[in-house]
Each structure stands twice: as C-alpha cells, then as structure tokens.
C-alpha cells in the first residue's frame, strides 16, 4: 500500500481505504500488463511510424533573412542593448 499512499500524498488527496485498495489493485494489473509486454520478442521487428502507407512530403529547408535586426528594433516599443524589452512575467 506504500505505493498508493506516496502518490496520494504527492497529489494532496485524502482517499478512503476502499479507494486506496481499488487503486492498488489497478496498479498491480497495469504492472502485470507491462511485465507481459516486456516478454514479447521484438528482435526482428521494424519500428512502425505510421499504419498508413504514405510518405511525408517535405519542402526544401532554405533559410533566408526576412528582416534585419535594426528594422525589427525600429518597430519595438521598448528596447535595451539591442534586444526587445518586454514586461517581466515573474514576480
């Protein structure tokens, strides 16, 4: 029951004993399911990315400069030392 009470404490829950027991049983079922999956031999199995027989069409990755730093900073309401200054989000 230690496993469930640890999660209960982390989630700041106050579970009834019957709820703890039900969660514990479900956790054990899941653990057994994963143990069974670990026993499956996947040595010669290729990873499956998609069940569809299609290929992604990618555009050519070409970089180009759209706007200069000076042009960008001209439009900034506030700037400091070559950077755009924005209000702080953390207090």
PDB file of N, CA and C in Angstrom:
ATOM      1  N   UNK A   1       0.826  -1.201   0.000  1.00  0.00           N
ATOM      2  CA  UNK A   1       0.000   0.000   0.000  1.00  0.00           C
ATOM      3  C   UNK A   1       0.861   1.252   0.000  1.00  0.00           C
ATOM      4  N   UNK A   2       2.163   1.069   0.231  1.00  0.00           N
ATOM      5  CA  UNK A   2       3.082   2.193   0.284  1.00  0.00           C
ATOM      6  C   UNK A   2       3.072   2.986  -1.017  1.00  0.00           C
ATOM      7  N   UNK A   3       2.978   2.292  -2.169  1.00  0.00           N
ATOM      8  CA  UNK A   3       2.987   2.965  -3.462  1.00  0.00           C
ATOM      9  C   UNK A   3       1.825   3.948  -3.581  1.00  0.00           C
ATOM     10  N   UNK A   4       0.640   3.525  -3.222  1.00  0.00           N
ATOM     11  CA  UNK A   4      -0.546   4.358  -3.361  1.00  0.00           C
ATOM     12  C   UNK A   4      -0.493   5.544  -2.408  1.00  0.00           C
ATOM     13  N   UNK A   5      -0.082   5.315  -1.181  1.00  0.00           N
ATOM     14  CA  UNK A   5      -0.058   6.417  -0.216  1.00  0.00           C
ATOM     15  C   UNK A   5       0.960   7.479  -0.616  1.00  0.00           C
ATOM     16  N   UNK A   6       2.059   7.073  -1.262  1.00  0.00           N
ATOM     17  CA  UNK A   6       3.036   8.049  -1.741  1.00  0.00           C
ATOM     18  C   UNK A   6       2.434   8.944  -2.803  1.00  0.00           C
ATOM     19  N   UNK A   7       1.728   8.348  -3.775  1.00  0.00           N
ATOM     20  CA  UNK A   7       1.065   9.138  -4.816  1.00  0.00           C
ATOM     21  C   UNK A   7      -0.049   9.986  -4.229  1.00  0.00           C
ATOM     22  N   UNK A   8      -0.756   9.432  -3.283  1.00  0.00           N
ATOM     23  CA  UNK A   8      -1.847  10.160  -2.624  1.00  0.00           C
ATOM     24  C   UNK A   8      -1.296  11.419  -1.960  1.00  0.00           C
ATOM     25  N   UNK A   9      -0.161  11.273  -1.304  1.00  0.00           N
ATOM     26  CA  UNK A   9       0.455  12.402  -0.618  1.00  0.00           C
ATOM     27  C   UNK A   9       0.928  13.460  -1.617  1.00  0.00           C
ATOM     28  N   UNK A  10       1.572  13.000  -2.716  1.00  0.00           N
ATOM     29  CA  UNK A  10       2.052  13.942  -3.734  1.00  0.00           C
ATOM     30  C   UNK A  10       0.906  14.726  -4.369  1.00  0.00           C
ATOM     31  N   UNK A  11      -0.222  14.053  -4.583  1.00  0.00           N
ATOM     32  CA  UNK A  11      -1.377  14.699  -5.216  1.00  0.00           C
ATOM     33  C   UNK A  11      -2.255  15.426  -4.204  1.00  0.00           C
ATOM     34  N   UNK A  12      -1.847  15.392  -2.954  1.00  0.00           N
ATOM     35  CA  UNK A  12      -2.595  16.026  -1.856  1.00  0.00           C
ATOM     36  C   UNK A  12      -4.048  15.569  -1.837  1.00  0.00           C
ATOM     37  N   UNK A  13      -4.228  14.241  -1.888  1.00  0.00           N
ATOM     38  CA  UNK A  13      -5.553  13.641  -1.822  1.00  0.00           C
ATOM     39  C   UNK A  13      -5.752  13.007  -0.462  1.00  0.00           C
ATOM     40  N   UNK A  14      -7.001  12.824  -0.112  1.00  0.00           N
ATOM     41  CA  UNK A  14      -7.346  12.125   1.112  1.00  0.00           C
ATOM     42  C   UNK A  14      -8.305  11.004   0.732  1.00  0.00           C
ATOM     43  N   UNK A  15      -7.733   9.843   0.377  1.00  0.00           N
ATOM     44  CA  UNK A  15      -8.534   8.727  -0.114  1.00  0.00           C
ATOM     45  C   UNK A  15      -9.050   7.860   1.023  1.00  0.00           C
ATOM     46  N   UNK A  16     -10.199   7.249   0.779  1.00  0.00           N
ATOM     47  CA  UNK A  16     -10.728   6.260   1.714  1.00  0.00           C
ATOM     48  C   UNK A  16      -9.937   4.973   1.519  1.00  0.00           C
ATOM     49  N   UNK A  17      -9.970   4.120   2.501  1.00  0.00           N
ATOM     50  CA  UNK A  17      -9.249   2.851   2.438  1.00  0.00           C
ATOM     51  C   UNK A  17      -9.714   2.014   1.254  1.00  0.00           C
ATOM     52  N   UNK A  18     -11.012   2.017   0.971  1.00  0.00           N
ATOM     53  CA  UNK A  18     -11.537   1.237  -0.151  1.00  0.00           C
ATOM     54  C   UNK A  18     -11.022   1.789  -1.488  1.00  0.00           C
ATOM     55  N   UNK A  19     -10.886   3.116  -1.573  1.00  0.00           N
ATOM     56  CA  UNK A  19     -10.360   3.728  -2.797  1.00  0.00           C
ATOM     57  C   UNK A  19      -8.879   3.372  -2.979  1.00  0.00           C
ATOM     58  N   UNK A  20      -8.136   3.403  -1.873  1.00  0.00           N
ATOM     59  CA  UNK A  20      -6.725   3.023  -1.919  1.00  0.00           C
ATOM     60  C   UNK A  20      -6.569   1.584  -2.394  1.00  0.00           C
ATOM     61  N   UNK A  21      -7.413   0.693  -1.862  1.00  0.00           N
ATOM     62  CA  UNK A  21      -7.359  -0.713  -2.253  1.00  0.00           C
ATOM     63  C   UNK A  21      -7.659  -0.889  -3.739  1.00  0.00           C
ATOM     64  N   UNK A  22      -8.656  -0.179  -4.248  1.00  0.00           N
ATOM     65  CA  UNK A  22      -9.033  -0.286  -5.665  1.00  0.00           C
ATOM     66  C   UNK A  22      -7.897   0.233  -6.559  1.00  0.00           C
ATOM     67  N   UNK A  23      -7.287   1.331  -6.170  1.00  0.00           N
ATOM     68  CA  UNK A  23      -6.182   1.892  -6.942  1.00  0.00           C
ATOM     69  C   UNK A  23      -4.990   0.942  -6.917  1.00  0.00           C
ATOM     70  N   UNK A  24      -4.710   0.367  -5.756  1.00  0.00           N
ATOM     71  CA  UNK A  24      -3.603  -0.577  -5.628  1.00  0.00           C
ATOM     72  C   UNK A  24      -3.811  -1.775  -6.553  1.00  0.00           C
ATOM     73  N   UNK A  25      -5.022  -2.307  -6.599  1.00  0.00           N
ATOM     74  CA  UNK A  25      -5.322  -3.453  -7.457  1.00  0.00           C
ATOM     75  C   UNK A  25      -5.140  -3.085  -8.929  1.00  0.00           C
ATOM     76  N   UNK A  26      -5.597  -1.900  -9.301  1.00  0.00           N
ATOM     77  CA  UNK A  26      -5.457  -1.459 -10.697  1.00  0.00           C
ATOM     78  C   UNK A  26      -3.976  -1.267 -11.049  1.00  0.00           C
ATOM     79  N   UNK A  27      -3.190  -0.727 -10.113  1.00  0.00           N
ATOM     80  CA  UNK A  27      -1.755  -0.551 -10.342  1.00  0.00           C
ATOM     81  C   UNK A  27      -1.075  -1.901 -10.548  1.00  0.00           C
ATOM     82  N   UNK A  28      -1.470  -2.889  -9.779  1.00  0.00           N
ATOM     83  CA  UNK A  28      -0.895  -4.225  -9.924  1.00  0.00           C
ATOM     84  C   UNK A  28      -1.258  -4.832 -11.286  1.00  0.00           C
ATOM     85  N   UNK A  29      -2.500  -4.615 -11.734  1.00  0.00           N
ATOM     86  CA  UNK A  29      -2.921  -5.100 -13.053  1.00  0.00           C
ATOM     87  C   UNK A  29      -2.069  -4.463 -14.140  1.00  0.00           C
ATOM     88  N   UNK A  30      -1.867  -3.156 -14.052  1.00  0.00           N
ATOM     89  CA  UNK A  30      -1.055  -2.447 -15.044  1.00  0.00           C
ATOM     90  C   UNK A  30       0.390  -2.933 -15.023  1.00  0.00           C
ATOM     91  N   UNK A  31       0.919  -3.143 -13.839  1.00  0.00           N
ATOM     92  CA  UNK A  31       2.284  -3.636 -13.719  1.00  0.00           C
ATOM     93  C   UNK A  31       2.413  -5.012 -14.385  1.00  0.00           C
ATOM     94  N   UNK A  32       1.456  -5.872 -14.154  1.00  0.00           N
ATOM     95  CA  UNK A  32       1.470  -7.202 -14.779  1.00  0.00           C
ATOM     96  C   UNK A  32       1.357  -7.105 -16.300  1.00  0.00           C
ATOM     97  N   UNK A  33       0.529  -6.181 -16.788  1.00  0.00           N
ATOM     98  CA  UNK A  33       0.403  -5.987 -18.235  1.00  0.00           C
ATOM     99  C   UNK A  33       1.741  -5.578 -18.842  1.00  0.00           C
ATOM    100  N   UNK A  34       2.448  -4.657 -18.188  1.00  0.00           N
ATOM    101  CA  UNK A  34       3.743  -4.218 -18.696  1.00  0.00           C
ATOM    102  C   UNK A  34       4.782  -5.334 -18.615  1.00  0.00           C
ATOM    103  N   UNK A  35       4.723  -6.131 -17.584  1.00  0.00           N
ATOM    104  CA  UNK A  35       5.649  -7.265 -17.478  1.00  0.00           C
ATOM    105  C   UNK A  35       5.426  -8.257 -18.618  1.00  0.00           C
ATOM    106  N   UNK A  36       4.168  -8.475 -18.984  1.00  0.00           N
ATOM    107  CA  UNK A  36       3.868  -9.372 -20.114  1.00  0.00           C
ATOM    108  C   UNK A  36       4.378  -8.776 -21.416  1.00  0.00           C
ATOM    109  N   UNK A  37       4.241  -7.458 -21.585  1.00  0.00           N
ATOM    110  CA  UNK A  37       4.737  -6.807 -22.800  1.00  0.00           C
ATOM    111  C   UNK A  37       6.248  -6.918 -22.919  1.00  0.00           C
ATOM    112  N   UNK A  38       6.948  -6.844 -21.789  1.00  0.00           N
ATOM    113  CA  UNK A  38       8.405  -6.957 -21.807  1.00  0.00           C
ATOM    114  C   UNK A  38       8.864  -8.332 -22.294  1.00  0.00           C
ATOM    115  N   UNK A  39       8.032  -9.350 -22.165  1.00  0.00           N
ATOM    116  CA  UNK A  39       8.403 -10.708 -22.546  1.00  0.00           C
ATOM    117  C   UNK A  39       8.254 -10.967 -24.044  1.00  0.00           C
ATOM    118  N   UNK A  40       7.636 -10.056 -24.770  1.00  0.00           N
ATOM    119  CA  UNK A  40       7.422 -10.241 -26.208  1.00  0.00           C
ATOM    120  C   UNK A  40       8.743 -10.025 -26.936  1.00  0.00           C
ATOM    121  N   UNK A  41       9.088 -10.967 -27.802  1.00  0.00           N
ATOM    122  CA  UNK A  41      10.322 -10.883 -28.577  1.00  0.00           C
ATOM    123  C   UNK A  41      10.101  -9.939 -29.765  1.00  0.00           C
ATOM    124  N   UNK A  42      10.778  -8.819 -29.755  1.00  0.00           N
ATOM    125  CA  UNK A  42      10.667  -7.843 -30.838  1.00  0.00           C
ATOM    126  C   UNK A  42      11.995  -7.659 -31.558  1.00  0.00           C
ATOM    127  N   UNK A  43      12.849  -8.659 -31.489  1.00  0.00           N
ATOM    128  CA  UNK A  43      14.207  -8.550 -32.026  1.00  0.00           C
ATOM    129  C   UNK A  43      14.230  -8.227 -33.518  1.00  0.00           C
ATOM    130  N   UNK A  44      13.428  -8.890 -34.323  1.00  0.00           N
ATOM    131  CA  UNK A  44      13.445  -8.674 -35.777  1.00  0.00           C
ATOM    132  C   UNK A  44      12.263  -7.845 -36.267  1.00  0.00           C
ATOM    133  N   UNK A  45      11.664  -7.073 -35.400  1.00  0.00           N
ATOM    134  CA  UNK A  45      10.509  -6.261 -35.765  1.00  0.00           C
ATOM    135  C   UNK A  45      10.966  -4.826 -36.011  1.00  0.00           C
ATOM    136  N   UNK A  46      10.622  -4.313 -37.191  1.00  0.00           N
ATOM    137  CA  UNK A  46      10.975  -2.934 -37.516  1.00  0.00           C
ATOM    138  C   UNK A  46       9.999  -1.982 -36.813  1.00  0.00           C
ATOM    139  N   UNK A  47      10.494  -0.841 -36.333  1.00  0.00           N
ATOM    140  CA  UNK A  47       9.598   0.130 -35.695  1.00  0.00           C
ATOM    141  C   UNK A  47       8.541   0.625 -36.680  1.00  0.00           C
ATOM    142  N   UNK A  48       7.340   0.804 -36.203  1.00  0.00           N
ATOM    143  CA  UNK A  48       6.236   1.273 -37.027  1.00  0.00           C
ATOM    144  C   UNK A  48       5.981   2.739 -36.708  1.00  0.00           C
ATOM    145  N   UNK A  49       6.146   3.576 -37.710  1.00  0.00           N
ATOM    146  CA  UNK A  49       5.925   5.005 -37.511  1.00  0.00           C
ATOM    147  C   UNK A  49       4.472   5.347 -37.784  1.00  0.00           C
ATOM    148  N   UNK A  50       3.911   4.734 -38.807  1.00  0.00           N
ATOM    149  CA  UNK A  50       2.523   5.008 -39.169  1.00  0.00           C
ATOM    150  C   UNK A  50       1.911   3.755 -39.774  1.00  0.00           C
ATOM    151  N   UNK A  51       0.630   3.571 -39.574  1.00  0.00           N
ATOM    152  CA  UNK A  51      -0.053   2.432 -40.183  1.00  0.00           C
ATOM    153  C   UNK A  51      -0.427   2.742 -41.631  1.00  0.00           C
ATOM    154  N   UNK A  52      -0.341   4.001 -42.021  1.00  0.00           N
ATOM    155  CA  UNK A  52      -0.656   4.402 -43.384  1.00  0.00           C
ATOM    156  C   UNK A  52       0.572   4.263 -44.265  1.00  0.00           C
ATOM    157  N   UNK A  53       0.370   3.863 -45.509  1.00  0.00           N
ATOM    158  CA  UNK A  53       1.467   3.678 -46.448  1.00  0.00           C
ATOM    159  C   UNK A  53       1.687   4.972 -47.238  1.00  0.00           C
ATOM    160  N   UNK A  54       2.042   6.032 -46.529  1.00  0.00           N
ATOM    161  CA  UNK A  54       2.308   7.311 -47.186  1.00  0.00           C
ATOM    162  C   UNK A  54       3.636   7.851 -46.687  1.00  0.00           C
ATOM    163  N   UNK A  55       4.210   8.718 -47.475  1.00  0.00           N
ATOM    164  CA  UNK A  55       5.463   9.352 -47.079  1.00  0.00           C
ATOM    165  C   UNK A  55       5.206  10.836 -46.938  1.00  0.00           C
ATOM    166  N   UNK A  56       5.860  11.438 -45.976  1.00  0.00           N
ATOM    167  CA  UNK A  56       5.705  12.860 -45.749  1.00  0.00           C
ATOM    168  C   UNK A  56       6.447  13.627 -46.845  1.00  0.00           C
ATOM    169  N   UNK A  57       5.773  14.579 -47.431  1.00  0.00           N
ATOM    170  CA  UNK A  57       6.400  15.404 -48.449  1.00  0.00           C
ATOM    171  C   UNK A  57       6.942  16.646 -47.740  1.00  0.00           C
ATOM    172  N   UNK A  58       8.259  16.764 -47.773  1.00  0.00           N
ATOM    173  CA  UNK A  58       8.893  17.870 -47.077  1.00  0.00           C
ATOM    174  C   UNK A  58       9.371  18.915 -48.076  1.00  0.00           C
ATOM    175  N   UNK A  59       9.274  20.149 -47.687  1.00  0.00           N
ATOM    176  CA  UNK A  59       9.807  21.211 -48.530  1.00  0.00           C
ATOM    177  C   UNK A  59      11.300  21.310 -48.300  1.00  0.00           C
ATOM    178  N   UNK A  60      11.988  21.917 -49.233  1.00  0.00           N
ATOM    179  CA  UNK A  60      13.412  22.121 -49.071  1.00  0.00           C
ATOM    180  C   UNK A  60      13.637  23.128 -47.952  1.00  0.00           C
ATOM    181  N   UNK A  61      14.551  22.836 -47.091  1.00  0.00           N
ATOM    182  CA  UNK A  61      14.816  23.698 -45.939  1.00  0.00           C
ATOM    183  C   UNK A  61      15.833  24.768 -46.338  1.00  0.00           C
ATOM    184  N   UNK A  62      15.321  25.917 -46.718  1.00  0.00           N
ATOM    185  CA  UNK A  62      16.168  27.015 -47.153  1.00  0.00           C
ATOM    186  C   UNK A  62      15.970  28.177 -46.194  1.00  0.00           C
ATOM    187  N   UNK A  63      17.053  28.658 -45.637  1.00  0.00           N
ATOM    188  CA  UNK A  63      16.921  29.795 -44.723  1.00  0.00           C
ATOM    189  C   UNK A  63      17.164  31.089 -45.479  1.00  0.00           C
ATOM    190  N   UNK A  64      16.454  32.116 -45.107  1.00  0.00           N
ATOM    191  CA  UNK A  64      16.652  33.433 -45.682  1.00  0.00           C
ATOM    192  C   UNK A  64      16.264  34.470 -44.644  1.00  0.00           C
ATOM    193  N   UNK A  65      16.845  35.625 -44.760  1.00  0.00           N
ATOM    194  CA  UNK A  65      16.615  36.677 -43.790  1.00  0.00           C
ATOM    195  C   UNK A  65      15.452  37.538 -44.260  1.00  0.00           C
ATOM    196  N   UNK A  66      14.439  37.644 -43.456  1.00  0.00           N
ATOM    197  CA  UNK A  66      13.263  38.418 -43.830  1.00  0.00           C
ATOM    198  C   UNK A  66      13.371  39.876 -43.410  1.00  0.00           C
ATOM    199  N   UNK A  67      13.952  40.104 -42.235  1.00  0.00           N
ATOM    200  CA  UNK A  67      14.015  41.464 -41.705  1.00  0.00           C
ATOM    201  C   UNK A  67      15.304  41.591 -40.896  1.00  0.00           C
ATOM    202  N   UNK A  68      15.919  42.729 -40.970  1.00  0.00           N
ATOM    203  CA  UNK A  68      17.166  42.919 -40.236  1.00  0.00           C
ATOM    204  C   UNK A  68      16.856  43.231 -38.766  1.00  0.00           C
ATOM    205  N   UNK A  69      17.851  43.054 -37.941  1.00  0.00           N
ATOM    206  CA  UNK A  69      17.693  43.347 -36.512  1.00  0.00           C
ATOM    207  C   UNK A  69      17.330  44.817 -36.294  1.00  0.00           C
ATOM    208  N   UNK A  70      17.996  45.697 -37.021  1.00  0.00           N
ATOM    209  CA  UNK A  70      17.717  47.137 -36.866  1.00  0.00           C
ATOM    210  C   UNK A  70      16.289  47.473 -37.260  1.00  0.00           C
ATOM    211  N   UNK A  71      15.812  46.853 -38.360  1.00  0.00           N
ATOM    212  CA  UNK A  71      14.425  47.087 -38.785  1.00  0.00           C
ATOM    213  C   UNK A  71      13.445  46.591 -37.728  1.00  0.00           C
ATOM    214  N   UNK A  72      13.750  45.451 -37.140  1.00  0.00           N
ATOM    215  CA  UNK A  72      12.877  44.892 -36.112  1.00  0.00           C
ATOM    216  C   UNK A  72      12.856  45.798 -34.879  1.00  0.00           C
ATOM    217  N   UNK A  73      14.029  46.240 -34.475  1.00  0.00           N
ATOM    218  CA  UNK A  73      14.103  47.072 -33.277  1.00  0.00           C
ATOM    219  C   UNK A  73      13.452  48.437 -33.486  1.00  0.00           C
ATOM    220  N   UNK A  74      13.400  48.911 -34.715  1.00  0.00           N
ATOM    221  CA  UNK A  74      12.730  50.186 -35.001  1.00  0.00           C
ATOM    222  C   UNK A  74      11.245  50.104 -34.645  1.00  0.00           C
ATOM    223  N   UNK A  75      10.659  48.911 -34.777  1.00  0.00           N
ATOM    224  CA  UNK A  75       9.230  48.732 -34.515  1.00  0.00           C
ATOM    225  C   UNK A  75       8.931  48.326 -33.071  1.00  0.00           C
ATOM    226  N   UNK A  76       9.967  48.065 -32.278  1.00  0.00           N
ATOM    227  CA  UNK A  76       9.754  47.637 -30.890  1.00  0.00           C
ATOM    228  C   UNK A  76       9.403  48.842 -30.024  1.00  0.00           C
ATOM    229  N   UNK A  77       8.383  48.735 -29.175  1.00  0.00           N
ATOM    230  CA  UNK A  77       8.020  49.855 -28.309  1.00  0.00           C
ATOM    231  C   UNK A  77       9.140  50.221 -27.335  1.00  0.00           C
ATOM    232  N   UNK A  78       9.849  49.210 -26.828  1.00  0.00           N
ATOM    233  CA  UNK A  78      10.973  49.454 -25.928  1.00  0.00           C
ATOM    234  C   UNK A  78      12.100  48.508 -26.307  1.00  0.00           C
ATOM    235  N   UNK A  79      13.333  48.985 -26.177  1.00  0.00           N
ATOM    236  CA  UNK A  79      14.482  48.133 -26.462  1.00  0.00           C
ATOM    237  C   UNK A  79      15.597  48.452 -25.486  1.00  0.00           C
ATOM    238  N   UNK A  80      16.461  47.466 -25.313  1.00  0.00           N
ATOM    239  CA  UNK A  80      17.594  47.630 -24.409  1.00  0.00           C
ATOM    240  C   UNK A  80      18.767  46.833 -24.943  1.00  0.00           C
ATOM    241  N   UNK A  81      19.854  47.473 -25.174  1.00  0.00           N
ATOM    242  CA  UNK A  81      21.113  46.839 -25.572  1.00  0.00           C
ATOM    243  C   UNK A  81      20.944  45.909 -26.784  1.00  0.00           C
ATOM    244  N   UNK A  82      20.149  46.353 -27.768  1.00  0.00           N
ATOM    245  CA  UNK A  82      19.969  45.563 -28.984  1.00  0.00           C
ATOM    246  C   UNK A  82      18.923  44.469 -28.873  1.00  0.00           C
ATOM    247  N   UNK A  83      18.143  44.428 -27.798  1.00  0.00           N
ATOM    248  CA  UNK A  83      17.094  43.429 -27.601  1.00  0.00           C
ATOM    249  C   UNK A  83      15.762  44.140 -27.377  1.00  0.00           C
ATOM    250  N   UNK A  84      14.688  43.431 -27.665  1.00  0.00           N
ATOM    251  CA  UNK A  84      13.356  43.957 -27.386  1.00  0.00           C
ATOM    252  C   UNK A  84      13.097  43.805 -25.899  1.00  0.00           C
ATOM    253  N   UNK A  85      12.657  44.852 -25.263  1.00  0.00           N
ATOM    254  CA  UNK A  85      12.375  44.816 -23.821  1.00  0.00           C
ATOM    255  C   UNK A  85      10.884  44.583 -23.623  1.00  0.00           C
ATOM    256  N   UNK A  86      10.569  43.583 -22.815  1.00  0.00           N
ATOM    257  CA  UNK A  86       9.163  43.251 -22.547  1.00  0.00           C
ATOM    258  C   UNK A  86       8.950  43.268 -21.032  1.00  0.00           C
ATOM    259  N   UNK A  87       7.695  43.458 -20.585  1.00  0.00           N
ATOM    260  CA  UNK A  87       7.426  43.444 -19.145  1.00  0.00           C
ATOM    261  C   UNK A  87       7.763  42.083 -18.541  1.00  0.00           C
ATOM    262  N   UNK A  88       8.217  42.094 -17.306  1.00  0.00           N
ATOM    263  CA  UNK A  88       8.523  40.848 -16.608  1.00  0.00           C
ATOM    264  C   UNK A  88       7.285  40.026 -16.361  1.00  0.00           C
ATOM    265  N   UNK A  89       7.431  38.704 -16.383  1.00  0.00           N
ATOM    266  CA  UNK A  89       6.296  37.823 -16.138  1.00  0.00           C
ATOM    267  C   UNK A  89       6.371  37.158 -14.770  1.00  0.00           C
ATOM    268  N   UNK A  90       7.528  37.178 -14.144  1.00  0.00           N
ATOM    269  CA  UNK A  90       7.677  36.575 -12.821  1.00  0.00           C
ATOM    270  C   UNK A  90       7.879  37.675 -11.787  1.00  0.00           C
ATOM    271  N   UNK A  91       7.269  37.504 -10.675  1.00  0.00           N
ATOM    272  CA  UNK A  91       7.443  38.486  -9.596  1.00  0.00           C
ATOM    273  C   UNK A  91       8.055  37.842  -8.399  1.00  0.00           C
TER     274      UNK A  91
END
